[in-house]
Structure formats: C-alpha cells, structure tokens
Amino acid sequence: MKRILIDSSKCAGCKNCSIACMQARRPDGSVYDIDLTSPQHESRNTILINAQKQCKPLFCRHCSNPACVKSCMSGAMVKSPETGHVGYDPEKCAECFMCVMNCPFGVLKPDRATGTYVVKCDFCADHNSEPQCVKNCPTGAIRVEEVEQ
C-alpha cells in the first residue's frame, strides 16, 4: 500500500505542498492567482511551526486502522481495500464531525467556507501521478513509499 511519509527534519516550512494541494483542486487558473485567504481554496495539509521554529507537517496518514472510519456513523469515511487509502464521500456525510474529533493526528477539519463537509486528503485521486504535495516539495521531506499493511 502506498503512503505519504514525512521527514520533518527536511521540511523548510515553505508550504509548497499546501499551495500544490490547493491548486490540485482548482479546475482552472494557475498557482500564481490562488487567493490564499479565500476559504474556497483550502489545503488538505498544513505545516505548523512550533516555538523552537521547527516545522511540523500535518498530513493524513491513511492509517492502517483509521479512527475516522471507525467513528463515522454514516459511512462517509471508507478505507479502500485495494489502495488502503481513506476516502470521504460528502454526499453520505451526516456533518457530525466525529471523524474530525477522533483523528489522532488532528488532520481532518470542517471546511472553512460552509462548515458542512470534511476537508481531507484524497491522495490526489483525480491525478494520474503522485500526489501534488509530494511532487512539489523542493526538499524531499514528503515522499510516497510502499509500506506493508
């Protein structure tokens, strides 16, 4: 199963991964005209910088035993047996946000625009290549690796 792995010691905090994530969900336009303050352009990952100025990337782990899937009462969160990725179907979402509360990494969040669906990494399912965050990380802090289930 392929997973996104992070080496936080290599993270420079440039947020190229977040911008690439935003761009991956836009049907048109370029990375140069993204309004970073608009709730319509929201990244599925984030980089936190702690008091010691260390970067702490937060990405969905697509866990082997995902708490978000276990706590989802409506079936909106599902782990694919083929890919091992955790998917989200907003049409099935009951907006209870139990998945958000149960994510041990604090990655899942309600969308900023309406607060009615969960913002979650989909491993760039609409792209036929590696996830855009990985592709656009200049330091190699983010990589995709095959891992044992």
Protein backbone atom coordinates (compact mmCIF):
# COMPACT_ATOMS: atom_id res chain seq x y z
CA MET A 1 0.00 0.00 0.00
CA LYS A 2 1.32 3.43 -0.90
CA ARG A 3 1.52 6.03 1.85
CA ILE A 4 2.72 9.62 2.11
CA LEU A 5 5.66 9.69 4.51
CA ILE A 6 7.14 12.81 6.07
CA ASP A 7 10.67 13.56 7.20
CA SER A 8 10.03 16.68 9.28
CA SER A 9 13.76 17.28 9.68
CA LYS A 10 13.88 18.11 5.95
CA CYS A 11 10.83 20.40 6.00
CA ALA A 12 11.74 24.05 5.40
CA GLY A 13 8.22 25.35 6.04
CA CYS A 14 7.91 26.75 2.50
CA LYS A 15 4.30 25.48 2.21
CA ASN A 16 4.76 24.49 -1.45
CA CYS A 17 2.89 21.31 -0.50
CA SER A 18 -0.13 23.28 0.74
CA ILE A 19 -0.23 25.51 -2.32
CA ALA A 20 0.12 22.50 -4.64
CA CYS A 21 -2.76 20.86 -2.78
CA MET A 22 -4.93 23.96 -3.27
CA GLN A 23 -4.04 24.10 -6.96
CA ALA A 24 -4.84 20.40 -7.45
CA ARG A 25 -8.48 21.10 -6.61
CA ARG A 26 -8.93 24.04 -8.98
CA PRO A 27 -10.38 23.40 -12.41
CA ASP A 28 -8.62 26.39 -13.95
CA GLY A 29 -6.19 29.16 -13.15
CA SER A 30 -2.62 28.87 -12.07
CA VAL A 31 -0.76 28.65 -8.81
CA TYR A 32 0.02 32.36 -9.21
CA ASP A 33 -3.60 33.51 -8.94
CA ILE A 34 -4.72 31.47 -5.91
CA ASP A 35 -6.29 33.69 -3.27
CA LEU A 36 -4.65 32.20 -0.18
CA THR A 37 -7.13 33.96 2.11
CA SER A 38 -10.22 32.56 0.39
CA PRO A 39 -11.98 29.70 2.18
CA GLN A 40 -12.72 28.30 -1.30
CA HIS A 41 -9.03 27.47 -1.68
CA GLU A 42 -8.24 25.16 1.18
CA SER A 43 -5.33 22.79 1.56
CA ARG A 44 -5.77 19.25 2.80
CA ASN A 45 -2.48 19.50 4.70
CA THR A 46 -0.77 22.09 6.84
CA ILE A 47 2.65 22.96 8.19
CA LEU A 48 2.81 24.02 11.82
CA ILE A 49 5.81 25.89 13.14
CA ASN A 50 6.44 25.43 16.85
CA ALA A 51 8.07 27.80 19.36
CA GLN A 52 11.51 26.40 18.52
CA LYS A 53 10.91 27.30 14.83
CA GLN A 54 10.70 23.62 13.88
CA CYS A 55 8.32 22.70 11.07
CA LYS A 56 5.74 20.02 11.80
CA PRO A 57 3.91 18.87 8.65
CA LEU A 58 0.38 17.54 9.27
CA PHE A 59 -0.85 15.15 6.60
CA CYS A 60 -3.48 12.43 6.52
CA ARG A 61 -1.70 9.15 7.27
CA HIS A 62 -4.38 6.98 5.59
CA CYS A 63 -3.99 4.87 8.70
CA SER A 64 -3.98 1.07 8.72
CA ASN A 65 -6.69 1.14 11.38
CA PRO A 66 -8.30 4.58 10.86
CA ALA A 67 -10.17 6.08 13.80
CA CYS A 68 -12.02 8.39 11.39
CA VAL A 69 -13.55 5.41 9.57
CA LYS A 70 -14.42 3.62 12.81
CA SER A 71 -16.18 6.70 14.21
CA CYS A 72 -18.10 7.58 11.02
CA MET A 73 -21.69 6.58 11.62
CA SER A 74 -22.93 7.44 8.12
CA GLY A 75 -20.37 5.53 6.05
CA ALA A 76 -18.92 8.71 4.52
CA MET A 77 -15.39 7.68 5.56
CA VAL A 78 -14.28 4.43 3.95
CA LYS A 79 -10.93 2.66 3.72
CA SER A 80 -10.31 1.21 0.26
CA PRO A 81 -9.27 -2.44 0.42
CA GLU A 82 -7.42 -2.05 -2.91
CA THR A 83 -5.33 1.06 -2.20
CA GLY A 84 -5.51 1.32 1.58
CA HIS A 85 -6.42 4.99 1.24
CA VAL A 86 -9.16 6.50 3.35
CA GLY A 87 -11.79 8.15 1.17
CA TYR A 88 -14.57 10.57 2.01
CA ASP A 89 -17.99 10.88 0.37
CA PRO A 90 -19.56 14.27 1.23
CA GLU A 91 -22.95 13.04 -0.05
CA LYS A 92 -23.09 10.49 2.79
CA CYS A 93 -21.72 12.81 5.47
CA ALA A 94 -24.04 13.48 8.43
CA GLU A 95 -21.94 16.52 9.45
CA CYS A 96 -21.39 15.12 12.94
CA PHE A 97 -17.60 15.56 12.61
CA MET A 98 -16.89 12.53 14.77
CA CYS A 99 -14.09 11.76 12.31
CA VAL A 100 -12.56 15.18 12.99
CA MET A 101 -12.74 14.63 16.74
CA ASN A 102 -11.27 11.12 16.53
CA CYS A 103 -8.36 11.74 14.16
CA PRO A 104 -5.32 11.14 16.39
CA PHE A 105 -3.20 13.47 14.24
CA GLY A 106 -5.62 16.42 14.13
CA VAL A 107 -5.54 16.47 10.35
CA LEU A 108 -9.24 16.35 9.47
CA LYS A 109 -11.18 19.59 9.69
CA PRO A 110 -14.51 21.11 8.65
CA ASP A 111 -14.28 23.25 5.54
CA ARG A 112 -13.83 26.97 6.22
CA ALA A 113 -16.36 28.16 3.63
CA THR A 114 -19.52 26.41 4.83
CA GLY A 115 -18.54 24.15 7.73
CA THR A 116 -20.62 21.37 6.20
CA TYR A 117 -18.07 18.86 4.94
CA VAL A 118 -14.73 17.42 5.94
CA VAL A 119 -11.53 18.62 4.30
CA LYS A 120 -9.40 15.52 3.85
CA CYS A 121 -6.54 14.31 1.68
CA ASP A 122 -7.68 12.05 -1.16
CA PHE A 123 -4.11 11.18 -2.29
CA CYS A 124 -4.81 13.34 -5.36
CA ALA A 125 -7.16 10.67 -6.70
CA ASP A 126 -8.06 12.87 -9.70
CA HIS A 127 -4.43 12.96 -10.86
CA ASN A 128 -2.73 10.09 -12.59
CA SER A 129 0.58 10.72 -10.91
CA GLU A 130 1.95 11.04 -7.42
CA PRO A 131 0.19 13.42 -5.01
CA GLN A 132 0.84 17.06 -5.82
CA CYS A 133 2.25 17.78 -2.35
CA VAL A 134 4.97 15.18 -2.95
CA LYS A 135 5.64 16.35 -6.49
CA ASN A 136 6.11 19.96 -5.36
CA CYS A 137 8.23 19.50 -2.22
CA PRO A 138 11.62 21.06 -3.01
CA THR A 139 13.45 19.43 -0.08
CA GLY A 140 12.19 15.86 -0.42
CA ALA A 141 10.58 15.99 3.02
CA ILE A 142 7.41 14.41 1.60
CA ARG A 143 7.57 11.14 -0.29
CA VAL A 144 5.35 8.27 -1.34
CA GLU A 145 6.50 4.87 -0.26
CA GLU A 146 5.16 1.35 -0.47
CA VAL A 147 4.52 0.06 3.06
CA GLU A 148 3.36 -3.25 4.47
CA GLN A 149 -0.23 -3.36 5.64
